[in-house]
Amino acid sequence: MTRASERLHLAPETISGQLSLLEDYPGLDLSSRGARKLERTDTGGMVLGYAYEIVSLGAELEEVIHQRILMPALQTDVGARACDLPRGGS
């Protein structure tokens, strides 16, 4: 939990609370107690995959917003209209 909170820049309690909310769903077990540590279940692995995708999309959105703020959109006008093009066959 500590490493995850450091990587996500969140308090461990925030992550723990979110995991608890997910595990409140009946039959949804994200981890199980192994001999010496918590082990991820198949469902936990699936949820982790979605979490990675969500974080990735968030980072992508942040980058797009950052680029739009720092670099104004360039407009390019390609001036060929269909009526200006030569007609074939003649």
PDB file of N, CA and C in Angstrom:
ATOM      1  N   MET A   1       0.834  -1.187   0.000  1.00  0.00           N
ATOM      2  CA  MET A   1       0.000   0.000   0.000  1.00  0.00           C
ATOM      3  C   MET A   1       0.880   1.253   0.000  1.00  0.00           C
ATOM      4  N   THR A   2       1.978   1.199   0.709  1.00  0.00           N
ATOM      5  CA  THR A   2       2.871   2.358   0.793  1.00  0.00           C
ATOM      6  C   THR A   2       3.475   2.686  -0.564  1.00  0.00           C
ATOM      7  N   ARG A   3       3.980   1.649  -1.263  1.00  0.00           N
ATOM      8  CA  ARG A   3       4.575   1.899  -2.589  1.00  0.00           C
ATOM      9  C   ARG A   3       3.542   2.423  -3.573  1.00  0.00           C
ATOM     10  N   ALA A   4       2.335   1.863  -3.526  1.00  0.00           N
ATOM     11  CA  ALA A   4       1.277   2.329  -4.426  1.00  0.00           C
ATOM     12  C   ALA A   4       0.934   3.781  -4.137  1.00  0.00           C
ATOM     13  N   SER A   5       0.855   4.138  -2.869  1.00  0.00           N
ATOM     14  CA  SER A   5       0.508   5.521  -2.522  1.00  0.00           C
ATOM     15  C   SER A   5       1.592   6.490  -2.957  1.00  0.00           C
ATOM     16  N   GLU A   6       2.853   6.062  -2.870  1.00  0.00           N
ATOM     17  CA  GLU A   6       3.950   6.924  -3.322  1.00  0.00           C
ATOM     18  C   GLU A   6       3.900   7.123  -4.835  1.00  0.00           C
ATOM     19  N   ARG A   7       3.642   6.051  -5.573  1.00  0.00           N
ATOM     20  CA  ARG A   7       3.601   6.138  -7.038  1.00  0.00           C
ATOM     21  C   ARG A   7       2.414   6.952  -7.518  1.00  0.00           C
ATOM     22  N   LEU A   8       1.299   6.876  -6.808  1.00  0.00           N
ATOM     23  CA  LEU A   8       0.081   7.576  -7.221  1.00  0.00           C
ATOM     24  C   LEU A   8      -0.057   8.960  -6.586  1.00  0.00           C
ATOM     25  N   HIS A   9       0.873   9.278  -5.697  1.00  0.00           N
ATOM     26  CA  HIS A   9       0.826  10.557  -4.972  1.00  0.00           C
ATOM     27  C   HIS A   9      -0.497  10.699  -4.207  1.00  0.00           C
ATOM     28  N   LEU A  10      -0.873   9.616  -3.540  1.00  0.00           N
ATOM     29  CA  LEU A  10      -2.081   9.589  -2.719  1.00  0.00           C
ATOM     30  C   LEU A  10      -1.734   9.042  -1.349  1.00  0.00           C
ATOM     31  N   ALA A  11      -2.541   9.387  -0.370  1.00  0.00           N
ATOM     32  CA  ALA A  11      -2.349   8.847   0.975  1.00  0.00           C
ATOM     33  C   ALA A  11      -2.731   7.367   0.977  1.00  0.00           C
ATOM     34  N   PRO A  12      -1.997   6.540   1.734  1.00  0.00           N
ATOM     35  CA  PRO A  12      -2.349   5.114   1.807  1.00  0.00           C
ATOM     36  C   PRO A  12      -3.806   4.897   2.219  1.00  0.00           C
ATOM     37  N   GLU A  13      -4.326   5.766   3.079  1.00  0.00           N
ATOM     38  CA  GLU A  13      -5.714   5.645   3.524  1.00  0.00           C
ATOM     39  C   GLU A  13      -6.694   5.824   2.362  1.00  0.00           C
ATOM     40  N   THR A  14      -6.335   6.695   1.415  1.00  0.00           N
ATOM     41  CA  THR A  14      -7.192   6.922   0.247  1.00  0.00           C
ATOM     42  C   THR A  14      -7.286   5.654  -0.588  1.00  0.00           C
ATOM     43  N   ILE A  15      -6.137   5.034  -0.839  1.00  0.00           N
ATOM     44  CA  ILE A  15      -6.114   3.809  -1.634  1.00  0.00           C
ATOM     45  C   ILE A  15      -6.840   2.691  -0.897  1.00  0.00           C
ATOM     46  N   SER A  16      -6.560   2.556   0.378  1.00  0.00           N
ATOM     47  CA  SER A  16      -7.194   1.525   1.181  1.00  0.00           C
ATOM     48  C   SER A  16      -8.712   1.698   1.183  1.00  0.00           C
ATOM     49  N   GLY A  17      -9.165   2.931   1.311  1.00  0.00           N
ATOM     50  CA  GLY A  17     -10.603   3.214   1.307  1.00  0.00           C
ATOM     51  C   GLY A  17     -11.249   2.849  -0.018  1.00  0.00           C
ATOM     52  N   GLN A  18     -10.573   3.172  -1.137  1.00  0.00           N
ATOM     53  CA  GLN A  18     -11.107   2.842  -2.452  1.00  0.00           C
ATOM     54  C   GLN A  18     -11.169   1.327  -2.655  1.00  0.00           C
ATOM     55  N   LEU A  19     -10.139   0.621  -2.210  1.00  0.00           N
ATOM     56  CA  LEU A  19     -10.145  -0.840  -2.315  1.00  0.00           C
ATOM     57  C   LEU A  19     -11.259  -1.448  -1.462  1.00  0.00           C
ATOM     58  N   SER A  20     -11.464  -0.878  -0.297  1.00  0.00           N
ATOM     59  CA  SER A  20     -12.535  -1.374   0.583  1.00  0.00           C
ATOM     60  C   SER A  20     -13.897  -1.186  -0.076  1.00  0.00           C
ATOM     61  N   LEU A  21     -14.085  -0.047  -0.747  1.00  0.00           N
ATOM     62  CA  LEU A  21     -15.351   0.189  -1.449  1.00  0.00           C
ATOM     63  C   LEU A  21     -15.570  -0.860  -2.543  1.00  0.00           C
ATOM     64  N   LEU A  22     -14.514  -1.169  -3.293  1.00  0.00           N
ATOM     65  CA  LEU A  22     -14.630  -2.198  -4.328  1.00  0.00           C
ATOM     66  C   LEU A  22     -14.943  -3.558  -3.725  1.00  0.00           C
ATOM     67  N   GLU A  23     -14.288  -3.881  -2.634  1.00  0.00           N
ATOM     68  CA  GLU A  23     -14.474  -5.200  -2.024  1.00  0.00           C
ATOM     69  C   GLU A  23     -15.804  -5.336  -1.297  1.00  0.00           C
ATOM     70  N   ASP A  24     -16.541  -4.222  -1.155  1.00  0.00           N
ATOM     71  CA  ASP A  24     -17.876  -4.293  -0.549  1.00  0.00           C
ATOM     72  C   ASP A  24     -18.885  -4.964  -1.482  1.00  0.00           C
ATOM     73  N   TYR A  25     -18.555  -5.032  -2.782  1.00  0.00           N
ATOM     74  CA  TYR A  25     -19.440  -5.725  -3.703  1.00  0.00           C
ATOM     75  C   TYR A  25     -19.455  -7.204  -3.345  1.00  0.00           C
ATOM     76  N   PRO A  26     -20.636  -7.795  -3.247  1.00  0.00           N
ATOM     77  CA  PRO A  26     -20.716  -9.216  -2.884  1.00  0.00           C
ATOM     78  C   PRO A  26     -19.950 -10.092  -3.875  1.00  0.00           C
ATOM     79  N   GLY A  27     -19.112 -10.964  -3.362  1.00  0.00           N
ATOM     80  CA  GLY A  27     -18.374 -11.908  -4.187  1.00  0.00           C
ATOM     81  C   GLY A  27     -17.160 -11.341  -4.894  1.00  0.00           C
ATOM     82  N   LEU A  28     -16.831 -10.091  -4.669  1.00  0.00           N
ATOM     83  CA  LEU A  28     -15.678  -9.483  -5.333  1.00  0.00           C
ATOM     84  C   LEU A  28     -14.486  -9.521  -4.386  1.00  0.00           C
ATOM     85  N   ASP A  29     -13.588 -10.439  -4.636  1.00  0.00           N
ATOM     86  CA  ASP A  29     -12.373 -10.569  -3.834  1.00  0.00           C
ATOM     87  C   ASP A  29     -11.183 -10.191  -4.703  1.00  0.00           C
ATOM     88  N   LEU A  30     -10.499  -9.111  -4.337  1.00  0.00           N
ATOM     89  CA  LEU A  30      -9.354  -8.640  -5.110  1.00  0.00           C
ATOM     90  C   LEU A  30      -8.069  -9.335  -4.694  1.00  0.00           C
ATOM     91  N   SER A  31      -8.021  -9.798  -3.463  1.00  0.00           N
ATOM     92  CA  SER A  31      -6.819 -10.460  -2.964  1.00  0.00           C
ATOM     93  C   SER A  31      -7.217 -11.523  -1.954  1.00  0.00           C
ATOM     94  N   SER A  32      -6.291 -12.417  -1.714  1.00  0.00           N
ATOM     95  CA  SER A  32      -6.496 -13.433  -0.683  1.00  0.00           C
ATOM     96  C   SER A  32      -5.221 -13.522   0.148  1.00  0.00           C
ATOM     97  N   ARG A  33      -5.360 -13.949   1.367  1.00  0.00           N
ATOM     98  CA  ARG A  33      -4.227 -14.042   2.270  1.00  0.00           C
ATOM     99  C   ARG A  33      -3.443 -15.302   1.947  1.00  0.00           C
ATOM    100  N   GLY A  34      -2.199 -15.121   1.499  1.00  0.00           N
ATOM    101  CA  GLY A  34      -1.322 -16.259   1.219  1.00  0.00           C
ATOM    102  C   GLY A  34      -0.573 -16.642   2.478  1.00  0.00           C
ATOM    103  N   ALA A  35       0.411 -17.504   2.331  1.00  0.00           N
ATOM    104  CA  ALA A  35       1.190 -17.963   3.477  1.00  0.00           C
ATOM    105  C   ALA A  35       1.902 -16.807   4.165  1.00  0.00           C
ATOM    106  N   ARG A  36       2.478 -15.885   3.377  1.00  0.00           N
ATOM    107  CA  ARG A  36       3.256 -14.803   3.976  1.00  0.00           C
ATOM    108  C   ARG A  36       2.826 -13.403   3.543  1.00  0.00           C
ATOM    109  N   LYS A  37       1.933 -13.336   2.562  1.00  0.00           N
ATOM    110  CA  LYS A  37       1.539 -12.017   2.065  1.00  0.00           C
ATOM    111  C   LYS A  37       0.181 -12.104   1.389  1.00  0.00           C
ATOM    112  N   LEU A  38      -0.336 -10.935   1.011  1.00  0.00           N
ATOM    113  CA  LEU A  38      -1.564 -10.898   0.229  1.00  0.00           C
ATOM    114  C   LEU A  38      -1.245 -11.300  -1.206  1.00  0.00           C
ATOM    115  N   GLU A  39      -2.114 -12.081  -1.796  1.00  0.00           N
ATOM    116  CA  GLU A  39      -1.944 -12.495  -3.178  1.00  0.00           C
ATOM    117  C   GLU A  39      -3.145 -12.024  -3.986  1.00  0.00           C
ATOM    118  N   ARG A  40      -2.877 -11.544  -5.184  1.00  0.00           N
ATOM    119  CA  ARG A  40      -3.929 -11.033  -6.049  1.00  0.00           C
ATOM    120  C   ARG A  40      -4.736 -12.190  -6.627  1.00  0.00           C
ATOM    121  N   THR A  41      -6.058 -12.050  -6.622  1.00  0.00           N
ATOM    122  CA  THR A  41      -6.936 -13.042  -7.242  1.00  0.00           C
ATOM    123  C   THR A  41      -7.043 -12.733  -8.736  1.00  0.00           C
ATOM    124  N   ASP A  42      -7.680 -13.626  -9.489  1.00  0.00           N
ATOM    125  CA  ASP A  42      -7.908 -13.370 -10.918  1.00  0.00           C
ATOM    126  C   ASP A  42      -8.721 -12.094 -11.106  1.00  0.00           C
ATOM    127  N   THR A  43      -9.729 -11.911 -10.268  1.00  0.00           N
ATOM    128  CA  THR A  43     -10.541 -10.694 -10.337  1.00  0.00           C
ATOM    129  C   THR A  43      -9.700  -9.471 -10.006  1.00  0.00           C
ATOM    130  N   GLY A  44      -8.828  -9.603  -9.029  1.00  0.00           N
ATOM    131  CA  GLY A  44      -7.928  -8.505  -8.677  1.00  0.00           C
ATOM    132  C   GLY A  44      -7.025  -8.134  -9.839  1.00  0.00           C
ATOM    133  N   GLY A  45      -6.561  -9.138 -10.578  1.00  0.00           N
ATOM    134  CA  GLY A  45      -5.734  -8.888 -11.752  1.00  0.00           C
ATOM    135  C   GLY A  45      -6.504  -8.143 -12.837  1.00  0.00           C
ATOM    136  N   MET A  46      -7.764  -8.531 -13.028  1.00  0.00           N
ATOM    137  CA  MET A  46      -8.597  -7.848 -14.011  1.00  0.00           C
ATOM    138  C   MET A  46      -8.809  -6.383 -13.610  1.00  0.00           C
ATOM    139  N   VAL A  47      -9.123  -6.162 -12.334  1.00  0.00           N
ATOM    140  CA  VAL A  47      -9.331  -4.799 -11.838  1.00  0.00           C
ATOM    141  C   VAL A  47      -8.045  -3.987 -11.993  1.00  0.00           C
ATOM    142  N   LEU A  48      -6.908  -4.597 -11.720  1.00  0.00           N
ATOM    143  CA  LEU A  48      -5.626  -3.914 -11.864  1.00  0.00           C
ATOM    144  C   LEU A  48      -5.401  -3.487 -13.317  1.00  0.00           C
ATOM    145  N   GLY A  49      -5.750  -4.357 -14.252  1.00  0.00           N
ATOM    146  CA  GLY A  49      -5.622  -4.017 -15.669  1.00  0.00           C
ATOM    147  C   GLY A  49      -6.437  -2.785 -16.022  1.00  0.00           C
ATOM    148  N   TYR A  50      -7.674  -2.727 -15.543  1.00  0.00           N
ATOM    149  CA  TYR A  50      -8.500  -1.547 -15.776  1.00  0.00           C
ATOM    150  C   TYR A  50      -7.898  -0.321 -15.102  1.00  0.00           C
ATOM    151  N   ALA A  51      -7.381  -0.500 -13.902  1.00  0.00           N
ATOM    152  CA  ALA A  51      -6.779   0.633 -13.187  1.00  0.00           C
ATOM    153  C   ALA A  51      -5.599   1.199 -13.965  1.00  0.00           C
ATOM    154  N   TYR A  52      -4.751   0.322 -14.514  1.00  0.00           N
ATOM    155  CA  TYR A  52      -3.628   0.794 -15.324  1.00  0.00           C
ATOM    156  C   TYR A  52      -4.123   1.580 -16.535  1.00  0.00           C
ATOM    157  N   GLU A  53      -5.176   1.075 -17.164  1.00  0.00           N
ATOM    158  CA  GLU A  53      -5.717   1.754 -18.341  1.00  0.00           C
ATOM    159  C   GLU A  53      -6.292   3.126 -17.968  1.00  0.00           C
ATOM    160  N   ILE A  54      -6.980   3.196 -16.846  1.00  0.00           N
ATOM    161  CA  ILE A  54      -7.550   4.461 -16.384  1.00  0.00           C
ATOM    162  C   ILE A  54      -6.439   5.469 -16.105  1.00  0.00           C
ATOM    163  N   VAL A  55      -5.395   5.031 -15.413  1.00  0.00           N
ATOM    164  CA  VAL A  55      -4.269   5.913 -15.100  1.00  0.00           C
ATOM    165  C   VAL A  55      -3.589   6.372 -16.389  1.00  0.00           C
ATOM    166  N   SER A  56      -3.438   5.463 -17.339  1.00  0.00           N
ATOM    167  CA  SER A  56      -2.809   5.796 -18.618  1.00  0.00           C
ATOM    168  C   SER A  56      -3.641   6.826 -19.375  1.00  0.00           C
ATOM    169  N   LEU A  57      -4.951   6.635 -19.415  1.00  0.00           N
ATOM    170  CA  LEU A  57      -5.816   7.600 -20.092  1.00  0.00           C
ATOM    171  C   LEU A  57      -5.781   8.954 -19.391  1.00  0.00           C
ATOM    172  N   GLY A  58      -5.709   8.946 -18.075  1.00  0.00           N
ATOM    173  CA  GLY A  58      -5.601  10.198 -17.327  1.00  0.00           C
ATOM    174  C   GLY A  58      -4.323  10.943 -17.673  1.00  0.00           C
ATOM    175  N   ALA A  59      -3.220  10.208 -17.777  1.00  0.00           N
ATOM    176  CA  ALA A  59      -1.936  10.820 -18.141  1.00  0.00           C
ATOM    177  C   ALA A  59      -1.994  11.362 -19.564  1.00  0.00           C
ATOM    178  N   GLU A  60      -2.634  10.608 -20.461  1.00  0.00           N
ATOM    179  CA  GLU A  60      -2.770  11.059 -21.850  1.00  0.00           C
ATOM    180  C   GLU A  60      -3.609  12.330 -21.919  1.00  0.00           C
ATOM    181  N   LEU A  61      -4.708  12.378 -21.175  1.00  0.00           N
ATOM    182  CA  LEU A  61      -5.556  13.566 -21.134  1.00  0.00           C
ATOM    183  C   LEU A  61      -4.784  14.761 -20.601  1.00  0.00           C
ATOM    184  N   GLU A  62      -4.023  14.540 -19.550  1.00  0.00           N
ATOM    185  CA  GLU A  62      -3.218  15.615 -18.969  1.00  0.00           C
ATOM    186  C   GLU A  62      -2.231  16.162 -19.999  1.00  0.00           C
ATOM    187  N   GLU A  63      -1.600  15.290 -20.762  1.00  0.00           N
ATOM    188  CA  GLU A  63      -0.643  15.706 -21.788  1.00  0.00           C
ATOM    189  C   GLU A  63      -1.325  16.508 -22.892  1.00  0.00           C
ATOM    190  N   VAL A  64      -2.497  16.060 -23.330  1.00  0.00           N
ATOM    191  CA  VAL A  64      -3.237  16.777 -24.375  1.00  0.00           C
ATOM    192  C   VAL A  64      -3.622  18.170 -23.888  1.00  0.00           C
ATOM    193  N   ILE A  65      -4.108  18.254 -22.675  1.00  0.00           N
ATOM    194  CA  ILE A  65      -4.485  19.562 -22.114  1.00  0.00           C
ATOM    195  C   ILE A  65      -3.250  20.443 -21.992  1.00  0.00           C
ATOM    196  N   HIS A  66      -2.158  19.878 -21.529  1.00  0.00           N
ATOM    197  CA  HIS A  66      -0.910  20.623 -21.375  1.00  0.00           C
ATOM    198  C   HIS A  66      -0.460  21.187 -22.723  1.00  0.00           C
ATOM    199  N   GLN A  67      -0.520  20.378 -23.770  1.00  0.00           N
ATOM    200  CA  GLN A  67      -0.109  20.826 -25.100  1.00  0.00           C
ATOM    201  C   GLN A  67      -1.014  21.931 -25.629  1.00  0.00           C
ATOM    202  N   ARG A  68      -2.298  21.836 -25.375  1.00  0.00           N
ATOM    203  CA  ARG A  68      -3.232  22.853 -25.872  1.00  0.00           C
ATOM    204  C   ARG A  68      -3.044  24.191 -25.160  1.00  0.00           C
ATOM    205  N   ILE A  69      -2.655  24.136 -23.913  1.00  0.00           N
ATOM    206  CA  ILE A  69      -2.454  25.380 -23.164  1.00  0.00           C
ATOM    207  C   ILE A  69      -1.149  26.034 -23.582  1.00  0.00           C
ATOM    208  N   LEU A  70      -0.094  25.229 -23.741  1.00  0.00           N
ATOM    209  CA  LEU A  70       1.213  25.794 -24.055  1.00  0.00           C
ATOM    210  C   LEU A  70       1.421  26.079 -25.532  1.00  0.00           C
ATOM    211  N   MET A  71       0.785  25.306 -26.384  1.00  0.00           N
ATOM    212  CA  MET A  71       0.971  25.491 -27.817  1.00  0.00           C
ATOM    213  C   MET A  71      -0.382  25.755 -28.459  1.00  0.00           C
ATOM    214  N   PRO A  72      -0.619  27.006 -28.872  1.00  0.00           N
ATOM    215  CA  PRO A  72      -1.906  27.297 -29.507  1.00  0.00           C
ATOM    216  C   PRO A  72      -2.078  26.449 -30.767  1.00  0.00           C
ATOM    217  N   ALA A  73      -3.300  26.073 -31.020  1.00  0.00           N
ATOM    218  CA  ALA A  73      -3.581  25.236 -32.194  1.00  0.00           C
ATOM    219  C   ALA A  73      -3.221  25.998 -33.464  1.00  0.00           C
ATOM    220  N   LEU A  74      -2.525  25.306 -34.329  1.00  0.00           N
ATOM    221  CA  LEU A  74      -2.174  25.885 -35.612  1.00  0.00           C
ATOM    222  C   LEU A  74      -3.253  25.503 -36.616  1.00  0.00           C
ATOM    223  N   GLN A  75      -3.727  26.477 -37.344  1.00  0.00           N
ATOM    224  CA  GLN A  75      -4.727  26.180 -38.359  1.00  0.00           C
ATOM    225  C   GLN A  75      -4.073  26.257 -39.721  1.00  0.00           C
ATOM    226  N   THR A  76      -4.256  25.232 -40.488  1.00  0.00           N
ATOM    227  CA  THR A  76      -3.722  25.193 -41.837  1.00  0.00           C
ATOM    228  C   THR A  76      -4.895  25.139 -42.789  1.00  0.00           C
ATOM    229  N   ASP A  77      -4.883  26.010 -43.755  1.00  0.00           N
ATOM    230  CA  ASP A  77      -5.958  26.058 -44.718  1.00  0.00           C
ATOM    231  C   ASP A  77      -5.431  25.548 -46.054  1.00  0.00           C
ATOM    232  N   VAL A  78      -5.892  24.385 -46.454  1.00  0.00           N
ATOM    233  CA  VAL A  78      -5.512  23.850 -47.752  1.00  0.00           C
ATOM    234  C   VAL A  78      -6.558  24.360 -48.723  1.00  0.00           C
ATOM    235  N   GLY A  79      -6.122  25.183 -49.679  1.00  0.00           N
ATOM    236  CA  GLY A  79      -7.064  25.932 -50.501  1.00  0.00           C
ATOM    237  C   GLY A  79      -7.565  25.266 -51.756  1.00  0.00           C
ATOM    238  N   ALA A  80      -7.571  23.983 -51.866  1.00  0.00           N
ATOM    239  CA  ALA A  80      -8.116  23.338 -53.059  1.00  0.00           C
ATOM    240  C   ALA A  80      -9.563  22.975 -52.813  1.00  0.00           C
ATOM    241  N   ARG A  81     -10.428  23.495 -53.638  1.00  0.00           N
ATOM    242  CA  ARG A  81     -11.843  23.159 -53.570  1.00  0.00           C
ATOM    243  C   ARG A  81     -12.169  22.249 -54.734  1.00  0.00           C
ATOM    244  N   ALA A  82     -13.193  21.465 -54.612  1.00  0.00           N
ATOM    245  CA  ALA A  82     -13.562  20.525 -55.672  1.00  0.00           C
ATOM    246  C   ALA A  82     -13.811  21.245 -56.981  1.00  0.00           C
ATOM    247  N   CYS A  83     -14.383  22.447 -56.952  1.00  0.00           N
ATOM    248  CA  CYS A  83     -14.672  23.155 -58.192  1.00  0.00           C
ATOM    249  C   CYS A  83     -13.396  23.711 -58.838  1.00  0.00           C
ATOM    250  N   ASP A  84     -12.275  23.789 -58.112  1.00  0.00           N
ATOM    251  CA  ASP A  84     -11.025  24.289 -58.668  1.00  0.00           C
ATOM    252  C   ASP A  84     -10.192  23.185 -59.318  1.00  0.00           C
ATOM    253  N   LEU A  85     -10.552  21.938 -59.091  1.00  0.00           N
ATOM    254  CA  LEU A  85      -9.764  20.830 -59.606  1.00  0.00           C
ATOM    255  C   LEU A  85     -10.124  20.549 -61.063  1.00  0.00           C
ATOM    256  N   PRO A  86      -9.135  20.198 -61.889  1.00  0.00           N
ATOM    257  CA  PRO A  86      -9.438  19.883 -63.290  1.00  0.00           C
ATOM    258  C   PRO A  86     -10.266  18.618 -63.389  1.00  0.00           C
ATOM    259  N   ARG A  87     -11.161  18.591 -64.354  1.00  0.00           N
ATOM    260  CA  ARG A  87     -12.006  17.422 -64.551  1.00  0.00           C
ATOM    261  C   ARG A  87     -11.303  16.454 -65.489  1.00  0.00           C
ATOM    262  N   GLY A  88     -11.358  15.198 -65.195  1.00  0.00           N
ATOM    263  CA  GLY A  88     -10.691  14.181 -66.017  1.00  0.00           C
ATOM    264  C   GLY A  88     -11.503  13.840 -67.265  1.00  0.00           C
ATOM    265  N   GLY A  89     -10.834  13.266 -68.253  1.00  0.00           N
ATOM    266  CA  GLY A  89     -11.508  12.752 -69.439  1.00  0.00           C
ATOM    267  C   GLY A  89     -11.654  13.750 -70.569  1.00  0.00           C
ATOM    268  N   SER A  90     -11.317  14.994 -70.424  1.00  0.00           N
ATOM    269  CA  SER A  90     -11.499  15.946 -71.527  1.00  0.00           C
ATOM    270  C   SER A  90     -10.182  16.456 -72.029  1.00  0.00           C
TER     271      SER A  90
END
